[in-house]
Amino acid sequence: MSGTPDVASESASSASALRRGWTTGACATAGVRAAYQALLTGSFPDPVTITLPKGEQPSFALAIERRGTDARGAWAEAGIVKDAGDDPDVTHQAMILARVRHAAAGQGVQFRAGAGVGTITRAGLPLPPGEPAINPVPRQMMTDTVRALAAQHGAGGDVEIEISVPGGAELAKQTWNPRLGILGGISILGTTGIVVPFSCSAWIHSIHRGVDVARAAGLAHVAGCTGSTSEAAVQALHGLPDLALLDMGDFAGALLKYLRQHPVARLTIGGGFAKLVKLAQGQMDLHSGRSQVDKAVLAQWLGELGAAPDLIAQASDANTALEVLTLAQAAQLPLADLVAAKARTAALAIVAPAAVAIDIVVVDRAGLIVGRANSEAPDGAAA
């Protein structure tokens, strides 16, 4: 048995194409299908094929096949080693275990969190507190698989599914789960079953869930920051709880667009100078590979501050945004404040018409605040 999926349905446009992978939800579904078939027939299918929400049918080789009986009756368990393809996924190569046993007639499909799978403890997520962190689409995939097999073999389809991930509690420390109140392990995720290499969807999904949890907790003030340095500065500045900190990263547009539909009273955006220059210039994806600082515009902004012509010329020829900031600071020109103000204007335009007060905090690499644009906070939000 091998831990590498045998992906008959996947094709690549060239030998150098980035390889797709499979979500924890897809792996768990494959494990459930293999385990339930073994429970019904006594034998495991290997490889095991599942149907994804968009109709693709990948096959997975089994890494673990087990059957046994305990005080609660017979069970079967199958393990799949997750292959995230070429995506830098924290759960790449994690073992996803699915244990299936019969349940009482009429109970349908029940889900349990085994070792390494988190339990939800806060409101605002797609499932209520107390539920295993197995998201709705993976649950539906597993339920559909159980129903199909039950119909094929004349069974009732009443089962208990326990998903485990050895080492999942440690892996979860590298995710948003502790901050979102998902305790004890990772989440079983995925809406399509497919991990697209270097896709932004998982990060953006986490941003959205962070907003949901903050709103459900009644927080009026949240912060979206581009990195840990700016996040620490903003948290110290405003005394925000961890629950209010949204790991925005480069996805300013994703956060702002979600707040337009799911508003909070106040948002603080914190980040480094170059990142916030991009936001000020209307870029909503701040990644260096997808947007660039326009230094000609930065030089023009120095002109708005009354910079001398030779300083404007130096700024136009500067190698980096940081170099322009250094020139402005030496001339005692508040360029970082101006950038913050323009970033605030750009952010307000995206979040409109939602009534979200926005303020911007520009932080240097040492974590010092070098520029700000403040906003009057609505009622209920601390200034």
Protein backbone atom coordinates (compact mmCIF):
# COMPACT_ATOMS: atom_id res chain seq x y z
CA MET A 1 0.00 0.00 0.00
CA SER A 2 1.26 3.44 -0.90
CA GLY A 3 0.36 6.84 0.50
CA THR A 4 0.41 8.57 -2.89
CA PRO A 5 -2.94 9.08 -4.67
CA ASP A 6 -3.21 7.43 -8.08
CA VAL A 7 -4.82 10.32 -9.90
CA ALA A 8 -6.20 9.01 -13.14
CA SER A 9 -8.40 12.05 -13.70
CA GLU A 10 -5.70 14.66 -13.36
CA SER A 11 -3.85 15.97 -16.39
CA ALA A 12 -1.09 18.53 -16.69
CA SER A 13 -0.52 20.88 -19.59
CA SER A 14 3.20 20.30 -19.43
CA ALA A 15 5.80 18.38 -17.48
CA SER A 16 6.63 21.53 -15.57
CA ALA A 17 3.01 22.30 -14.59
CA LEU A 18 2.36 22.60 -10.89
CA ARG A 19 0.76 19.45 -9.56
CA ARG A 20 -2.65 19.67 -7.92
CA GLY A 21 -3.42 17.94 -4.67
CA TRP A 22 -6.37 16.82 -2.60
CA THR A 23 -8.06 18.40 0.38
CA THR A 24 -8.39 16.82 3.79
CA GLY A 25 -12.10 16.50 2.99
CA ALA A 26 -11.41 14.47 -0.14
CA CYS A 27 -8.95 12.22 1.70
CA ALA A 28 -11.41 11.68 4.55
CA THR A 29 -14.15 10.82 2.05
CA ALA A 30 -11.91 8.25 0.37
CA GLY A 31 -11.11 6.78 3.76
CA VAL A 32 -14.81 6.58 4.64
CA ARG A 33 -15.66 4.87 1.38
CA ALA A 34 -12.96 2.24 1.86
CA ALA A 35 -13.78 1.67 5.53
CA TYR A 36 -17.53 1.42 5.04
CA GLN A 37 -17.11 -1.00 2.14
CA ALA A 38 -14.86 -3.12 4.36
CA LEU A 39 -17.43 -2.98 7.15
CA LEU A 40 -20.13 -4.18 4.75
CA THR A 41 -18.14 -6.74 2.74
CA GLY A 42 -15.03 -7.63 4.74
CA SER A 43 -12.62 -6.31 2.12
CA PHE A 44 -11.07 -2.91 1.40
CA PRO A 45 -11.04 -1.45 -2.11
CA ASP A 46 -7.49 -0.37 -2.95
CA PRO A 47 -7.25 2.01 -4.66
CA VAL A 48 -10.53 3.62 -3.69
CA THR A 49 -12.33 6.01 -6.02
CA ILE A 50 -14.60 8.86 -4.95
CA THR A 51 -16.69 11.47 -6.76
CA LEU A 52 -15.90 15.10 -6.03
CA PRO A 53 -18.56 17.85 -6.00
CA LYS A 54 -17.77 18.86 -9.61
CA GLY A 55 -17.84 15.29 -10.87
CA GLU A 56 -14.12 14.41 -10.96
CA GLN A 57 -13.27 10.90 -9.79
CA PRO A 58 -9.76 10.62 -8.34
CA SER A 59 -8.48 7.38 -6.89
CA PHE A 60 -6.44 7.03 -3.69
CA ALA A 61 -4.20 4.22 -2.52
CA LEU A 62 -4.72 3.10 1.06
CA ALA A 63 -1.91 3.54 3.56
CA ILE A 64 -3.78 1.80 6.40
CA GLU A 65 -6.44 -0.96 6.46
CA ARG A 66 -7.77 -2.11 9.83
CA ARG A 67 -10.80 -3.96 11.15
CA GLY A 68 -11.74 -4.78 14.69
CA THR A 69 -14.39 -5.08 17.38
CA ASP A 70 -14.72 -3.27 20.67
CA ALA A 71 -17.42 -2.71 23.30
CA ARG A 72 -19.40 -0.64 20.78
CA GLY A 73 -19.29 -3.25 18.04
CA ALA A 74 -17.43 -3.87 14.80
CA TRP A 75 -15.51 -1.15 13.02
CA ALA A 76 -13.33 -0.69 9.97
CA GLU A 77 -10.68 1.98 9.44
CA ALA A 78 -8.82 3.22 6.38
CA GLY A 79 -6.00 5.73 6.17
CA ILE A 80 -5.00 8.03 3.31
CA VAL A 81 -1.79 10.06 3.25
CA LYS A 82 -2.76 13.52 2.08
CA ASP A 83 -0.97 14.72 -1.04
CA ALA A 84 -1.32 18.49 -1.42
CA GLY A 85 0.52 18.43 -4.74
CA ASP A 86 2.85 21.38 -5.15
CA ASP A 87 0.92 23.55 -2.70
CA PRO A 88 2.75 24.55 0.53
CA ASP A 89 0.00 23.05 2.66
CA VAL A 90 0.59 22.46 6.37
CA THR A 91 -1.29 19.15 6.14
CA HIS A 92 0.74 17.80 3.21
CA GLN A 93 1.69 14.18 3.95
CA ALA A 94 -0.58 14.04 7.02
CA MET A 95 -2.35 10.73 7.64
CA ILE A 96 -6.14 11.10 7.40
CA LEU A 97 -7.85 8.20 9.18
CA ALA A 98 -11.53 7.34 8.83
CA ARG A 99 -13.10 4.80 11.22
CA VAL A 100 -16.64 3.70 10.43
CA ARG A 101 -19.01 1.64 12.59
CA HIS A 102 -22.72 0.88 12.45
CA ALA A 103 -25.07 3.17 14.38
CA ALA A 104 -28.61 2.63 15.63
CA ALA A 105 -31.31 2.54 12.98
CA GLY A 106 -32.65 5.97 12.15
CA GLN A 107 -29.59 7.91 13.33
CA GLY A 108 -28.27 8.55 9.84
CA VAL A 109 -24.63 9.60 9.49
CA GLN A 110 -23.00 10.87 12.69
CA PHE A 111 -19.57 12.54 12.87
CA ARG A 112 -16.98 12.40 15.64
CA ALA A 113 -13.64 14.16 16.05
CA GLY A 114 -10.89 11.65 16.69
CA ALA A 115 -7.38 12.49 17.85
CA GLY A 116 -5.92 15.41 15.91
CA VAL A 117 -9.23 16.76 14.61
CA GLY A 118 -10.48 19.93 16.26
CA THR A 119 -13.72 20.66 18.06
CA ILE A 120 -15.57 23.94 17.57
CA THR A 121 -15.89 26.01 20.74
CA ARG A 122 -17.05 29.42 19.42
CA ALA A 123 -20.02 30.65 17.46
CA GLY A 124 -19.63 32.17 14.01
CA LEU A 125 -18.32 29.14 12.14
CA PRO A 126 -20.40 27.07 9.68
CA LEU A 127 -21.11 24.56 12.46
CA PRO A 128 -22.21 25.17 16.05
CA PRO A 129 -19.99 24.87 19.14
CA GLY A 130 -19.43 21.31 20.25
CA GLU A 131 -19.33 19.91 16.72
CA PRO A 132 -16.27 18.26 15.19
CA ALA A 133 -14.39 20.60 12.86
CA ILE A 134 -15.48 18.67 9.78
CA ASN A 135 -16.85 21.28 7.40
CA PRO A 136 -20.23 21.03 5.64
CA VAL A 137 -19.01 20.08 2.15
CA PRO A 138 -16.77 17.22 3.38
CA ARG A 139 -19.66 16.04 5.56
CA GLN A 140 -21.93 16.00 2.53
CA MET A 141 -19.33 14.14 0.46
CA MET A 142 -18.99 11.48 3.15
CA THR A 143 -22.76 11.25 3.63
CA ASP A 144 -23.33 10.82 -0.11
CA THR A 145 -20.66 8.10 -0.20
CA VAL A 146 -22.28 6.22 2.68
CA ARG A 147 -25.72 6.44 1.11
CA ALA A 148 -24.46 5.18 -2.24
CA LEU A 149 -22.72 2.19 -0.68
CA ALA A 150 -25.68 1.46 1.58
CA ALA A 151 -28.02 1.40 -1.41
CA GLN A 152 -25.62 -0.84 -3.34
CA HIS A 153 -25.36 -3.38 -0.51
CA GLY A 154 -28.87 -3.16 0.91
CA ALA A 155 -27.72 -1.58 4.18
CA GLY A 156 -29.45 1.05 6.26
CA GLY A 157 -26.72 3.67 6.01
CA ASP A 158 -26.80 4.50 9.72
CA VAL A 159 -23.15 4.92 10.67
CA GLU A 160 -20.79 6.77 12.95
CA ILE A 161 -17.76 8.27 11.23
CA GLU A 162 -14.71 9.20 13.28
CA ILE A 163 -11.97 11.16 11.52
CA SER A 164 -8.51 11.28 13.09
CA VAL A 165 -5.22 12.91 12.07
CA PRO A 166 -2.16 11.70 13.99
CA GLY A 167 -0.14 14.76 14.95
CA GLY A 168 -3.04 17.03 14.02
CA ALA A 169 -2.91 18.94 17.31
CA GLU A 170 0.64 20.08 16.53
CA LEU A 171 -0.24 20.89 12.92
CA ALA A 172 -3.14 23.02 14.12
CA LYS A 173 -0.73 25.39 15.87
CA GLN A 174 0.39 26.48 12.39
CA THR A 175 -3.18 27.33 11.38
CA TRP A 176 -5.86 29.78 12.42
CA ASN A 177 -7.76 27.13 14.39
CA PRO A 178 -6.65 28.14 17.91
CA ARG A 179 -7.59 31.77 17.24
CA LEU A 180 -10.96 30.74 15.82
CA GLY A 181 -11.73 28.60 18.85
CA ILE A 182 -11.24 25.27 17.08
CA LEU A 183 -9.39 23.27 19.70
CA GLY A 184 -7.57 19.96 19.68
CA GLY A 185 -6.55 19.66 16.07
CA ILE A 186 -6.99 20.60 12.44
CA SER A 187 -10.19 21.06 10.46
CA ILE A 188 -11.37 18.77 7.68
CA LEU A 189 -11.83 21.24 4.86
CA GLY A 190 -12.49 21.68 1.17
CA THR A 191 -15.32 22.81 -1.07
CA THR A 192 -14.15 21.16 -4.31
CA GLY A 193 -11.90 18.39 -2.98
CA ILE A 194 -9.00 19.79 -4.98
CA VAL A 195 -6.01 21.79 -3.73
CA VAL A 196 -4.87 24.17 -6.48
CA PRO A 197 -1.14 24.88 -6.03
CA PHE A 198 -0.42 28.21 -4.42
CA SER A 199 -4.09 29.14 -4.52
CA CYS A 200 -5.38 31.91 -2.30
CA SER A 201 -8.67 30.23 -1.51
CA ALA A 202 -7.70 28.63 1.82
CA TRP A 203 -6.24 31.86 3.19
CA ILE A 204 -9.24 33.90 2.05
CA HIS A 205 -11.56 31.29 3.57
CA SER A 206 -9.75 31.73 6.89
CA ILE A 207 -10.14 35.52 6.69
CA HIS A 208 -13.87 35.13 6.16
CA ARG A 209 -14.22 32.72 9.07
CA GLY A 210 -12.21 35.09 11.25
CA VAL A 211 -14.69 37.87 10.50
CA ASP A 212 -17.61 35.53 11.21
CA VAL A 213 -16.21 34.50 14.57
CA ALA A 214 -15.42 38.08 15.59
CA ARG A 215 -18.93 39.21 14.69
CA ALA A 216 -20.51 36.29 16.53
CA ALA A 217 -18.47 37.21 19.61
CA GLY A 218 -19.85 40.75 19.44
CA LEU A 219 -16.52 42.45 18.68
CA ALA A 220 -16.89 45.97 17.30
CA HIS A 221 -13.24 46.45 16.35
CA VAL A 222 -11.11 44.06 14.30
CA ALA A 223 -7.69 44.37 12.68
CA GLY A 224 -6.33 43.06 9.40
CA CYS A 225 -2.55 43.14 9.12
CA THR A 226 -0.04 42.17 6.48
CA GLY A 227 2.27 40.28 8.84
CA SER A 228 3.18 39.44 12.41
CA THR A 229 5.20 42.62 13.03
CA SER A 230 2.37 44.96 12.09
CA GLU A 231 -0.15 42.74 13.87
CA ALA A 232 1.81 42.97 17.13
CA ALA A 233 2.04 46.74 16.80
CA VAL A 234 -1.68 47.15 16.12
CA GLN A 235 -2.67 44.79 18.93
CA ALA A 236 -0.52 46.71 21.40
CA LEU A 237 -1.80 50.05 20.13
CA HIS A 238 -5.47 49.20 20.58
CA GLY A 239 -5.38 46.44 23.19
CA LEU A 240 -7.26 44.07 20.91
CA PRO A 241 -7.91 40.44 21.89
CA ASP A 242 -6.50 37.69 19.69
CA LEU A 243 -10.00 36.99 18.41
CA ALA A 244 -10.06 40.43 16.77
CA LEU A 245 -6.88 39.81 14.75
CA LEU A 246 -7.57 38.78 11.15
CA ASP A 247 -4.55 37.34 9.38
CA MET A 248 -5.15 39.47 6.29
CA GLY A 249 -1.73 38.96 4.74
CA ASP A 250 -1.74 40.25 1.17
CA PHE A 251 -5.48 39.85 0.71
CA ALA A 252 -6.75 43.33 1.56
CA GLY A 253 -9.42 43.18 -1.11
CA ALA A 254 -10.77 39.85 0.13
CA LEU A 255 -11.13 41.24 3.66
CA LEU A 256 -12.71 44.51 2.58
CA LYS A 257 -15.17 42.90 0.18
CA TYR A 258 -16.28 40.45 2.87
CA LEU A 259 -16.74 43.27 5.38
CA ARG A 260 -18.88 45.08 2.83
CA GLN A 261 -21.38 42.21 3.17
CA HIS A 262 -20.62 41.35 6.82
CA PRO A 263 -19.68 44.65 8.44
CA VAL A 264 -18.14 45.42 11.80
CA ALA A 265 -18.06 48.86 13.39
CA ARG A 266 -14.34 49.45 12.99
CA LEU A 267 -11.42 47.99 11.08
CA THR A 268 -7.75 48.80 11.58
CA ILE A 269 -5.45 47.86 8.73
CA GLY A 270 -1.79 47.55 9.67
CA GLY A 271 1.17 46.87 7.46
CA GLY A 272 4.59 47.76 6.21
CA PHE A 273 5.16 50.86 4.15
CA ALA A 274 5.50 49.20 0.74
CA LYS A 275 2.41 47.02 1.22
CA LEU A 276 0.30 50.00 2.21
CA VAL A 277 1.64 52.07 -0.68
CA LYS A 278 0.13 49.43 -2.95
CA LEU A 279 -3.18 49.68 -1.12
CA ALA A 280 -3.00 53.47 -1.38
CA GLN A 281 -2.44 53.10 -5.12
CA GLY A 282 -5.59 51.00 -5.43
CA GLN A 283 -4.07 47.50 -5.36
CA MET A 284 -6.15 45.01 -3.41
CA ASP A 285 -3.71 42.08 -3.69
CA LEU A 286 -0.50 43.21 -1.98
CA HIS A 287 1.70 40.25 -2.91
CA SER A 288 5.00 41.23 -4.52
CA GLY A 289 4.40 38.83 -7.39
CA ARG A 290 0.98 40.28 -8.21
CA SER A 291 1.33 44.02 -7.63
CA GLN A 292 4.14 46.55 -7.62
CA VAL A 293 4.82 49.95 -6.03
CA ASP A 294 4.62 52.77 -8.56
CA LYS A 295 7.57 54.91 -7.45
CA ALA A 296 6.61 57.67 -9.89
CA VAL A 297 3.37 58.07 -7.99
CA LEU A 298 5.27 58.05 -4.69
CA ALA A 299 7.47 60.85 -6.03
CA GLN A 300 4.35 62.75 -7.03
CA TRP A 301 3.02 62.38 -3.48
CA LEU A 302 6.25 63.85 -2.17
CA GLY A 303 5.51 66.83 -4.39
CA GLU A 304 2.11 67.16 -2.71
CA LEU A 305 4.00 67.46 0.58
CA GLY A 306 6.18 70.27 -0.76
CA ALA A 307 9.33 68.27 -1.50
CA ALA A 308 12.12 70.00 -3.37
CA PRO A 309 12.58 69.04 -7.05
CA ASP A 310 15.87 67.23 -6.39
CA LEU A 311 14.19 65.06 -3.72
CA ILE A 312 11.37 64.23 -6.12
CA ALA A 313 13.95 63.24 -8.72
CA GLN A 314 15.74 61.02 -6.21
CA ALA A 315 12.50 59.36 -5.28
CA SER A 316 11.66 58.69 -8.92
CA ASP A 317 14.98 56.85 -9.33
CA ALA A 318 14.85 55.01 -6.00
CA ASN A 319 15.22 51.26 -5.96
CA THR A 320 12.57 50.56 -3.33
CA ALA A 321 9.65 52.10 -1.53
CA LEU A 322 11.67 51.94 1.69
CA GLU A 323 14.33 54.12 0.10
CA VAL A 324 11.69 56.71 -0.76
CA LEU A 325 10.39 56.62 2.82
CA THR A 326 13.92 57.10 4.14
CA LEU A 327 14.38 60.14 1.88
CA ALA A 328 11.09 61.59 3.07
CA GLN A 329 11.93 61.03 6.73
CA ALA A 330 15.29 62.71 6.30
CA ALA A 331 13.47 65.73 4.84
CA GLN A 332 10.92 65.59 7.69
CA LEU A 333 8.06 65.06 5.26
CA PRO A 334 5.16 62.94 6.58
CA LEU A 335 4.99 60.61 3.60
CA ALA A 336 3.88 57.60 5.67
CA ASP A 337 0.94 59.60 7.03
CA LEU A 338 -0.04 60.60 3.51
CA VAL A 339 0.19 56.99 2.34
CA ALA A 340 -1.97 55.93 5.29
CA ALA A 341 -4.58 58.55 4.39
CA LYS A 342 -4.67 57.47 0.75
CA ALA A 343 -4.82 53.79 1.77
CA ARG A 344 -7.74 54.59 4.02
CA THR A 345 -9.55 56.32 1.13
CA ALA A 346 -8.97 53.30 -1.12
CA ALA A 347 -10.19 50.89 1.55
CA LEU A 348 -13.31 52.91 2.28
CA ALA A 349 -14.17 52.87 -1.42
CA ILE A 350 -14.09 49.07 -1.43
CA VAL A 351 -16.07 48.54 1.76
CA ALA A 352 -18.77 51.09 0.84
CA PRO A 353 -21.67 51.33 1.33
CA ALA A 354 -21.17 49.40 4.59
CA ALA A 355 -20.71 51.69 7.60
CA VAL A 356 -17.26 50.48 8.61
CA ALA A 357 -14.89 53.01 10.14
CA ILE A 358 -11.35 52.36 8.89
CA ASP A 359 -8.00 53.50 10.21
CA ILE A 360 -4.56 52.69 8.87
CA VAL A 361 -1.33 52.04 10.77
CA VAL A 362 2.00 52.01 8.90
CA VAL A 363 4.70 50.01 10.70
CA ASP A 364 8.42 49.76 9.99
CA ARG A 365 10.45 46.57 10.13
CA ALA A 366 11.29 47.14 13.78
CA GLY A 367 7.60 47.30 14.66
CA LEU A 368 7.52 51.07 15.18
CA ILE A 369 4.52 53.04 13.95
CA VAL A 370 5.69 55.53 11.33
CA GLY A 371 2.38 56.67 9.87
CA ARG A 372 -1.32 56.72 10.70
CA ALA A 373 -4.68 57.77 9.33
CA ASN A 374 -7.40 57.71 11.95
CA SER A 375 -11.15 57.53 11.77
CA GLU A 376 -13.94 58.48 14.07
CA ALA A 377 -15.22 55.14 15.33
CA PRO A 378 -18.98 54.49 15.33
CA ASP A 379 -20.80 54.00 18.61
CA GLY A 380 -19.58 50.96 20.46
CA ALA A 381 -16.05 50.96 19.03
CA ALA A 382 -13.15 52.27 21.03
CA ALA A 383 -11.14 55.05 19.48
